[in-house]
């Protein structure tokens, strides 16, 4: 039979896994750590993307750039700008 200690260990591991899986969200085959989400943080999912991800209420949420604008910039400091060829 299972001991009380092993049952609590299994519960602890299951809860840890759930917390980890909820903190990581797949976006364009990348896993985004919502723990890095701070007010004002932004990033581009790919170079010259039509979408930008902004931290909003503790999670990164996708926003579409205005027509003709594309996401540029480094992680944490991206913005939508006109495409420059």
PDB file of N, CA and C in Angstrom:
ATOM      1  N   UNK A   1       0.834  -1.192   0.000  1.00  0.00           N
ATOM      2  CA  UNK A   1       0.000   0.000   0.000  1.00  0.00           C
ATOM      3  C   UNK A   1       0.877   1.254   0.000  1.00  0.00           C
ATOM      4  N   UNK A   2       0.230   2.343  -0.331  1.00  0.00           N
ATOM      5  CA  UNK A   2       0.932   3.620  -0.339  1.00  0.00           C
ATOM      6  C   UNK A   2       1.002   4.199   1.059  1.00  0.00           C
ATOM      7  N   UNK A   3       2.109   4.800   1.362  1.00  0.00           N
ATOM      8  CA  UNK A   3       2.220   5.479   2.643  1.00  0.00           C
ATOM      9  C   UNK A   3       1.713   6.910   2.481  1.00  0.00           C
ATOM     10  N   UNK A   4       1.427   7.545   3.582  1.00  0.00           N
ATOM     11  CA  UNK A   4       0.952   8.928   3.561  1.00  0.00           C
ATOM     12  C   UNK A   4       2.003   9.839   2.937  1.00  0.00           C
ATOM     13  N   UNK A   5       3.262   9.563   3.211  1.00  0.00           N
ATOM     14  CA  UNK A   5       4.342  10.388   2.673  1.00  0.00           C
ATOM     15  C   UNK A   5       4.391  10.308   1.149  1.00  0.00           C
ATOM     16  N   UNK A   6       4.233   9.122   0.589  1.00  0.00           N
ATOM     17  CA  UNK A   6       4.284   8.980  -0.865  1.00  0.00           C
ATOM     18  C   UNK A   6       3.080   9.643  -1.533  1.00  0.00           C
ATOM     19  N   UNK A   7       1.933   9.618  -0.891  1.00  0.00           N
ATOM     20  CA  UNK A   7       0.746  10.279  -1.440  1.00  0.00           C
ATOM     21  C   UNK A   7       0.970  11.789  -1.489  1.00  0.00           C
ATOM     22  N   UNK A   8       1.499  12.360  -0.405  1.00  0.00           N
ATOM     23  CA  UNK A   8       1.765  13.795  -0.386  1.00  0.00           C
ATOM     24  C   UNK A   8       2.847  14.183  -1.388  1.00  0.00           C
ATOM     25  N   UNK A   9       3.828  13.304  -1.577  1.00  0.00           N
ATOM     26  CA  UNK A   9       4.879  13.571  -2.564  1.00  0.00           C
ATOM     27  C   UNK A   9       4.282  13.610  -3.963  1.00  0.00           C
ATOM     28  N   UNK A  10       3.404  12.671  -4.285  1.00  0.00           N
ATOM     29  CA  UNK A  10       2.747  12.651  -5.597  1.00  0.00           C
ATOM     30  C   UNK A  10       1.898  13.894  -5.797  1.00  0.00           C
ATOM     31  N   UNK A  11       1.152  14.294  -4.772  1.00  0.00           N
ATOM     32  CA  UNK A  11       0.333  15.502  -4.871  1.00  0.00           C
ATOM     33  C   UNK A  11       1.199  16.738  -5.089  1.00  0.00           C
ATOM     34  N   UNK A  12       2.306  16.831  -4.371  1.00  0.00           N
ATOM     35  CA  UNK A  12       3.211  17.967  -4.506  1.00  0.00           C
ATOM     36  C   UNK A  12       3.776  18.050  -5.920  1.00  0.00           C
ATOM     37  N   UNK A  13       4.210  16.905  -6.456  1.00  0.00           N
ATOM     38  CA  UNK A  13       4.763  16.880  -7.814  1.00  0.00           C
ATOM     39  C   UNK A  13       3.701  17.253  -8.851  1.00  0.00           C
ATOM     40  N   UNK A  14       2.483  16.765  -8.668  1.00  0.00           N
ATOM     41  CA  UNK A  14       1.403  17.093  -9.606  1.00  0.00           C
ATOM     42  C   UNK A  14       1.084  18.583  -9.565  1.00  0.00           C
ATOM     43  N   UNK A  15       1.039  19.166  -8.385  1.00  0.00           N
ATOM     44  CA  UNK A  15       0.752  20.598  -8.258  1.00  0.00           C
ATOM     45  C   UNK A  15       1.887  21.425  -8.853  1.00  0.00           C
ATOM     46  N   UNK A  16       3.126  21.010  -8.661  1.00  0.00           N
ATOM     47  CA  UNK A  16       4.264  21.722  -9.232  1.00  0.00           C
ATOM     48  C   UNK A  16       4.208  21.698 -10.754  1.00  0.00           C
ATOM     49  N   UNK A  17       3.848  20.552 -11.313  1.00  0.00           N
ATOM     50  CA  UNK A  17       3.745  20.430 -12.766  1.00  0.00           C
ATOM     51  C   UNK A  17       2.639  21.343 -13.303  1.00  0.00           C
ATOM     52  N   UNK A  18       1.499  21.393 -12.625  1.00  0.00           N
ATOM     53  CA  UNK A  18       0.401  22.247 -13.072  1.00  0.00           C
ATOM     54  C   UNK A  18       0.790  23.716 -13.040  1.00  0.00           C
ATOM     55  N   UNK A  19       1.511  24.133 -12.010  1.00  0.00           N
ATOM     56  CA  UNK A  19       1.943  25.526 -11.930  1.00  0.00           C
ATOM     57  C   UNK A  19       2.919  25.846 -13.056  1.00  0.00           C
ATOM     58  N   UNK A  20       3.826  24.936 -13.343  1.00  0.00           N
ATOM     59  CA  UNK A  20       4.807  25.152 -14.409  1.00  0.00           C
ATOM     60  C   UNK A  20       4.109  25.204 -15.767  1.00  0.00           C
ATOM     61  N   UNK A  21       3.187  24.287 -16.021  1.00  0.00           N
ATOM     62  CA  UNK A  21       2.522  24.250 -17.319  1.00  0.00           C
ATOM     63  C   UNK A  21       1.626  25.465 -17.529  1.00  0.00           C
ATOM     64  N   UNK A  22       1.050  26.025 -16.475  1.00  0.00           N
ATOM     65  CA  UNK A  22       0.215  27.207 -16.643  1.00  0.00           C
ATOM     66  C   UNK A  22       1.054  28.459 -16.818  1.00  0.00           C
ATOM     67  N   UNK A  23       2.309  28.426 -16.384  1.00  0.00           N
ATOM     68  CA  UNK A  23       3.186  29.585 -16.528  1.00  0.00           C
ATOM     69  C   UNK A  23       3.792  29.665 -17.921  1.00  0.00           C
ATOM     70  N   UNK A  24       3.823  28.552 -18.631  1.00  0.00           N
ATOM     71  CA  UNK A  24       4.408  28.514 -19.968  1.00  0.00           C
ATOM     72  C   UNK A  24       3.308  28.329 -21.007  1.00  0.00           C
ATOM     73  N   UNK A  25       3.266  29.211 -21.986  1.00  0.00           N
ATOM     74  CA  UNK A  25       2.250  29.152 -23.026  1.00  0.00           C
ATOM     75  C   UNK A  25       2.929  29.085 -24.385  1.00  0.00           C
ATOM     76  N   UNK A  26       2.519  28.136 -25.244  1.00  0.00           N
ATOM     77  CA  UNK A  26       3.135  28.087 -26.570  1.00  0.00           C
ATOM     78  C   UNK A  26       2.638  29.215 -27.458  1.00  0.00           C
ATOM     79  N   UNK A  27       3.542  29.980 -28.056  1.00  0.00           N
ATOM     80  CA  UNK A  27       3.206  31.022 -29.015  1.00  0.00           C
ATOM     81  C   UNK A  27       4.169  30.849 -30.181  1.00  0.00           C
ATOM     82  N   UNK A  28       3.603  30.519 -31.364  1.00  0.00           N
ATOM     83  CA  UNK A  28       4.419  30.295 -32.567  1.00  0.00           C
ATOM     84  C   UNK A  28       5.589  29.345 -32.287  1.00  0.00           C
ATOM     85  N   UNK A  29       5.287  28.223 -31.690  1.00  0.00           N
ATOM     86  CA  UNK A  29       6.268  27.182 -31.371  1.00  0.00           C
ATOM     87  C   UNK A  29       7.324  27.630 -30.364  1.00  0.00           C
ATOM     88  N   UNK A  30       7.085  28.737 -29.658  1.00  0.00           N
ATOM     89  CA  UNK A  30       7.964  29.165 -28.573  1.00  0.00           C
ATOM     90  C   UNK A  30       7.165  29.038 -27.287  1.00  0.00           C
ATOM     91  N   UNK A  31       7.842  28.816 -26.192  1.00  0.00           N
ATOM     92  CA  UNK A  31       7.142  28.829 -24.919  1.00  0.00           C
ATOM     93  C   UNK A  31       7.437  30.151 -24.236  1.00  0.00           C
ATOM     94  N   UNK A  32       6.385  30.871 -23.920  1.00  0.00           N
ATOM     95  CA  UNK A  32       6.512  32.180 -23.301  1.00  0.00           C
ATOM     96  C   UNK A  32       6.297  32.021 -21.808  1.00  0.00           C
ATOM     97  N   UNK A  33       7.246  32.481 -21.042  1.00  0.00           N
ATOM     98  CA  UNK A  33       7.168  32.407 -19.592  1.00  0.00           C
ATOM     99  C   UNK A  33       6.407  33.628 -19.090  1.00  0.00           C
ATOM    100  N   UNK A  34       5.160  33.415 -18.649  1.00  0.00           N
ATOM    101  CA  UNK A  34       4.361  34.526 -18.146  1.00  0.00           C
ATOM    102  C   UNK A  34       4.938  35.097 -16.853  1.00  0.00           C
ATOM    103  N   UNK A  35       5.849  34.371 -16.239  1.00  0.00           N
ATOM    104  CA  UNK A  35       6.525  34.892 -15.056  1.00  0.00           C
ATOM    105  C   UNK A  35       7.400  36.093 -15.401  1.00  0.00           C
ATOM    106  N   UNK A  36       7.794  36.202 -16.695  1.00  0.00           N
ATOM    107  CA  UNK A  36       8.587  37.341 -17.156  1.00  0.00           C
ATOM    108  C   UNK A  36       7.703  38.524 -17.518  1.00  0.00           C
ATOM    109  N   UNK A  37       6.406  38.338 -17.443  1.00  0.00           N
ATOM    110  CA  UNK A  37       5.466  39.383 -17.827  1.00  0.00           C
ATOM    111  C   UNK A  37       5.439  40.467 -16.761  1.00  0.00           C
ATOM    112  N   UNK A  38       5.881  41.635 -17.133  1.00  0.00           N
ATOM    113  CA  UNK A  38       5.832  42.814 -16.266  1.00  0.00           C
ATOM    114  C   UNK A  38       5.120  43.909 -17.033  1.00  0.00           C
ATOM    115  N   UNK A  39       4.467  44.793 -16.342  1.00  0.00           N
ATOM    116  CA  UNK A  39       3.698  45.863 -16.981  1.00  0.00           C
ATOM    117  C   UNK A  39       4.555  46.587 -18.023  1.00  0.00           C
ATOM    118  N   UNK A  40       4.041  46.653 -19.245  1.00  0.00           N
ATOM    119  CA  UNK A  40       4.738  47.344 -20.319  1.00  0.00           C
ATOM    120  C   UNK A  40       5.665  46.476 -21.143  1.00  0.00           C
ATOM    121  N   UNK A  41       5.897  45.229 -20.733  1.00  0.00           N
ATOM    122  CA  UNK A  41       6.794  44.342 -21.491  1.00  0.00           C
ATOM    123  C   UNK A  41       6.130  43.936 -22.808  1.00  0.00           C
ATOM    124  N   UNK A  42       6.909  43.912 -23.872  1.00  0.00           N
ATOM    125  CA  UNK A  42       6.416  43.532 -25.195  1.00  0.00           C
ATOM    126  C   UNK A  42       7.447  42.658 -25.894  1.00  0.00           C
ATOM    127  N   UNK A  43       7.000  41.856 -26.872  1.00  0.00           N
ATOM    128  CA  UNK A  43       7.946  41.118 -27.705  1.00  0.00           C
ATOM    129  C   UNK A  43       7.288  40.759 -29.025  1.00  0.00           C
ATOM    130  N   UNK A  44       8.125  40.493 -30.018  1.00  0.00           N
ATOM    131  CA  UNK A  44       7.672  40.058 -31.348  1.00  0.00           C
ATOM    132  C   UNK A  44       7.777  38.535 -31.407  1.00  0.00           C
ATOM    133  N   UNK A  45       6.746  37.847 -31.882  1.00  0.00           N
ATOM    134  CA  UNK A  45       6.841  36.394 -32.000  1.00  0.00           C
ATOM    135  C   UNK A  45       7.815  35.962 -33.095  1.00  0.00           C
ATOM    136  N   UNK A  46       8.000  36.815 -34.106  1.00  0.00           N
ATOM    137  CA  UNK A  46       8.964  36.551 -35.175  1.00  0.00           C
ATOM    138  C   UNK A  46       9.343  37.883 -35.812  1.00  0.00           C
ATOM    139  N   UNK A  47      10.400  37.874 -36.580  1.00  0.00           N
ATOM    140  CA  UNK A  47      10.855  39.100 -37.228  1.00  0.00           C
ATOM    141  C   UNK A  47       9.809  39.597 -38.231  1.00  0.00           C
ATOM    142  N   UNK A  48       9.481  40.872 -38.182  1.00  0.00           N
ATOM    143  CA  UNK A  48       8.520  41.511 -39.089  1.00  0.00           C
ATOM    144  C   UNK A  48       7.125  40.887 -38.974  1.00  0.00           C
ATOM    145  N   UNK A  49       6.715  40.519 -37.784  1.00  0.00           N
ATOM    146  CA  UNK A  49       5.388  39.948 -37.556  1.00  0.00           C
ATOM    147  C   UNK A  49       4.327  41.045 -37.600  1.00  0.00           C
ATOM    148  N   UNK A  50       3.114  40.671 -37.979  1.00  0.00           N
ATOM    149  CA  UNK A  50       2.000  41.622 -37.949  1.00  0.00           C
ATOM    150  C   UNK A  50       1.417  41.736 -36.545  1.00  0.00           C
ATOM    151  N   UNK A  51       1.890  40.896 -35.640  1.00  0.00           N
ATOM    152  CA  UNK A  51       1.365  40.876 -34.272  1.00  0.00           C
ATOM    153  C   UNK A  51       2.455  41.213 -33.268  1.00  0.00           C
ATOM    154  N   UNK A  52       2.038  41.808 -32.170  1.00  0.00           N
ATOM    155  CA  UNK A  52       2.930  42.106 -31.056  1.00  0.00           C
ATOM    156  C   UNK A  52       2.278  41.529 -29.802  1.00  0.00           C
ATOM    157  N   UNK A  53       3.084  41.034 -28.898  1.00  0.00           N
ATOM    158  CA  UNK A  53       2.574  40.507 -27.631  1.00  0.00           C
ATOM    159  C   UNK A  53       2.908  41.483 -26.520  1.00  0.00           C
ATOM    160  N   UNK A  54       1.880  41.888 -25.766  1.00  0.00           N
ATOM    161  CA  UNK A  54       2.048  42.835 -24.665  1.00  0.00           C
ATOM    162  C   UNK A  54       1.606  42.187 -23.375  1.00  0.00           C
ATOM    163  N   UNK A  55       2.318  42.524 -22.306  1.00  0.00           N
ATOM    164  CA  UNK A  55       1.938  42.030 -20.985  1.00  0.00           C
ATOM    165  C   UNK A  55       0.675  42.766 -20.550  1.00  0.00           C
ATOM    166  N   UNK A  56      -0.351  41.993 -20.225  1.00  0.00           N
ATOM    167  CA  UNK A  56      -1.625  42.568 -19.809  1.00  0.00           C
ATOM    168  C   UNK A  56      -2.238  41.664 -18.746  1.00  0.00           C
ATOM    169  N   UNK A  57      -2.422  42.183 -17.558  1.00  0.00           N
ATOM    170  CA  UNK A  57      -2.995  41.432 -16.434  1.00  0.00           C
ATOM    171  C   UNK A  57      -2.245  40.137 -16.155  1.00  0.00           C
ATOM    172  N   UNK A  58      -0.905  40.203 -16.200  1.00  0.00           N
ATOM    173  CA  UNK A  58      -0.078  39.063 -15.820  1.00  0.00           C
ATOM    174  C   UNK A  58       0.170  38.037 -16.897  1.00  0.00           C
ATOM    175  N   UNK A  59      -0.364  38.243 -18.105  1.00  0.00           N
ATOM    176  CA  UNK A  59      -0.127  37.306 -19.209  1.00  0.00           C
ATOM    177  C   UNK A  59       0.162  38.089 -20.476  1.00  0.00           C
ATOM    178  N   UNK A  60       0.958  37.482 -21.364  1.00  0.00           N
ATOM    179  CA  UNK A  60       1.199  38.097 -22.659  1.00  0.00           C
ATOM    180  C   UNK A  60      -0.015  37.849 -23.545  1.00  0.00           C
ATOM    181  N   UNK A  61      -0.512  38.924 -24.141  1.00  0.00           N
ATOM    182  CA  UNK A  61      -1.675  38.822 -25.012  1.00  0.00           C
ATOM    183  C   UNK A  61      -1.338  39.403 -26.377  1.00  0.00           C
ATOM    184  N   UNK A  62      -1.896  38.778 -27.421  1.00  0.00           N
ATOM    185  CA  UNK A  62      -1.580  39.163 -28.794  1.00  0.00           C
ATOM    186  C   UNK A  62      -2.407  40.380 -29.221  1.00  0.00           C
ATOM    187  N   UNK A  63      -1.732  41.310 -29.878  1.00  0.00           N
ATOM    188  CA  UNK A  63      -2.378  42.490 -30.447  1.00  0.00           C
ATOM    189  C   UNK A  63      -1.910  42.635 -31.886  1.00  0.00           C
ATOM    190  N   UNK A  64      -2.813  43.036 -32.765  1.00  0.00           N
ATOM    191  CA  UNK A  64      -2.450  43.221 -34.169  1.00  0.00           C
ATOM    192  C   UNK A  64      -1.935  44.644 -34.372  1.00  0.00           C
ATOM    193  N   UNK A  65      -0.821  44.764 -35.105  1.00  0.00           N
ATOM    194  CA  UNK A  65      -0.290  46.084 -35.452  1.00  0.00           C
ATOM    195  C   UNK A  65      -1.218  46.730 -36.477  1.00  0.00           C
ATOM    196  N   UNK A  66      -1.208  48.047 -36.531  1.00  0.00           N
ATOM    197  CA  UNK A  66      -2.013  48.759 -37.515  1.00  0.00           C
ATOM    198  C   UNK A  66      -1.560  48.370 -38.926  1.00  0.00           C
ATOM    199  N   UNK A  67      -2.444  48.524 -39.893  1.00  0.00           N
ATOM    200  CA  UNK A  67      -2.146  48.169 -41.284  1.00  0.00           C
ATOM    201  C   UNK A  67      -0.876  48.864 -41.758  1.00  0.00           C
ATOM    202  N   UNK A  68       0.036  48.102 -42.331  1.00  0.00           N
ATOM    203  CA  UNK A  68       1.296  48.635 -42.834  1.00  0.00           C
ATOM    204  C   UNK A  68       2.411  48.653 -41.806  1.00  0.00           C
ATOM    205  N   UNK A  69       2.074  48.415 -40.535  1.00  0.00           N
ATOM    206  CA  UNK A  69       3.077  48.369 -39.470  1.00  0.00           C
ATOM    207  C   UNK A  69       3.416  46.930 -39.134  1.00  0.00           C
ATOM    208  N   UNK A  70       4.647  46.739 -38.664  1.00  0.00           N
ATOM    209  CA  UNK A  70       5.115  45.410 -38.288  1.00  0.00           C
ATOM    210  C   UNK A  70       5.858  45.496 -36.967  1.00  0.00           C
ATOM    211  N   UNK A  71       5.897  44.381 -36.267  1.00  0.00           N
ATOM    212  CA  UNK A  71       6.565  44.325 -34.973  1.00  0.00           C
ATOM    213  C   UNK A  71       8.087  44.286 -35.167  1.00  0.00           C
ATOM    214  N   UNK A  72       8.776  45.191 -34.503  1.00  0.00           N
ATOM    215  CA  UNK A  72      10.236  45.230 -34.538  1.00  0.00           C
ATOM    216  C   UNK A  72      10.743  45.526 -33.135  1.00  0.00           C
ATOM    217  N   UNK A  73      11.972  45.122 -32.862  1.00  0.00           N
ATOM    218  CA  UNK A  73      12.576  45.416 -31.569  1.00  0.00           C
ATOM    219  C   UNK A  73      12.962  44.171 -30.822  1.00  0.00           C
ATOM    220  N   UNK A  74      13.665  44.398 -29.731  1.00  0.00           N
ATOM    221  CA  UNK A  74      14.150  43.281 -28.927  1.00  0.00           C
ATOM    222  C   UNK A  74      13.084  42.844 -27.930  1.00  0.00           C
ATOM    223  N   UNK A  75      13.288  41.670 -27.390  1.00  0.00           N
ATOM    224  CA  UNK A  75      12.343  41.125 -26.414  1.00  0.00           C
ATOM    225  C   UNK A  75      12.257  42.046 -25.209  1.00  0.00           C
ATOM    226  N   UNK A  76      11.054  42.362 -24.828  1.00  0.00           N
ATOM    227  CA  UNK A  76      10.829  43.240 -23.692  1.00  0.00           C
ATOM    228  C   UNK A  76      10.700  44.699 -24.091  1.00  0.00           C
ATOM    229  N   UNK A  77      11.123  45.020 -25.334  1.00  0.00           N
ATOM    230  CA  UNK A  77      11.083  46.410 -25.772  1.00  0.00           C
ATOM    231  C   UNK A  77      10.750  46.477 -27.264  1.00  0.00           C
ATOM    232  N   UNK A  78       9.679  45.820 -27.670  1.00  0.00           N
ATOM    233  CA  UNK A  78       9.275  45.797 -29.075  1.00  0.00           C
ATOM    234  C   UNK A  78       8.172  46.822 -29.303  1.00  0.00           C
ATOM    235  N   UNK A  79       7.988  47.186 -30.568  1.00  0.00           N
ATOM    236  CA  UNK A  79       6.896  48.099 -30.910  1.00  0.00           C
ATOM    237  C   UNK A  79       6.491  47.876 -32.360  1.00  0.00           C
ATOM    238  N   UNK A  80       5.316  48.380 -32.719  1.00  0.00           N
ATOM    239  CA  UNK A  80       4.834  48.305 -34.095  1.00  0.00           C
ATOM    240  C   UNK A  80       5.317  49.544 -34.836  1.00  0.00           C
ATOM    241  N   UNK A  81       5.998  49.327 -35.963  1.00  0.00           N
ATOM    242  CA  UNK A  81       6.528  50.437 -36.759  1.00  0.00           C
ATOM    243  C   UNK A  81       6.329  50.136 -38.233  1.00  0.00           C
ATOM    244  N   UNK A  82       6.455  51.184 -39.049  1.00  0.00           N
ATOM    245  CA  UNK A  82       6.383  51.001 -40.494  1.00  0.00           C
ATOM    246  C   UNK A  82       7.532  50.128 -40.954  1.00  0.00           C
ATOM    247  N   UNK A  83       7.259  49.266 -41.911  1.00  0.00           N
ATOM    248  CA  UNK A  83       8.305  48.392 -42.445  1.00  0.00           C
ATOM    249  C   UNK A  83       9.288  49.226 -43.266  1.00  0.00           C
ATOM    250  N   UNK A  84      10.560  49.038 -43.005  1.00  0.00           N
ATOM    251  CA  UNK A  84      11.609  49.732 -43.743  1.00  0.00           C
ATOM    252  C   UNK A  84      12.360  48.697 -44.557  1.00  0.00           C
ATOM    253  N   UNK A  85      12.425  48.903 -45.861  1.00  0.00           N
ATOM    254  CA  UNK A  85      13.106  47.938 -46.736  1.00  0.00           C
ATOM    255  C   UNK A  85      14.550  48.307 -46.918  1.00  0.00           C
TER     256      UNK A  85
END
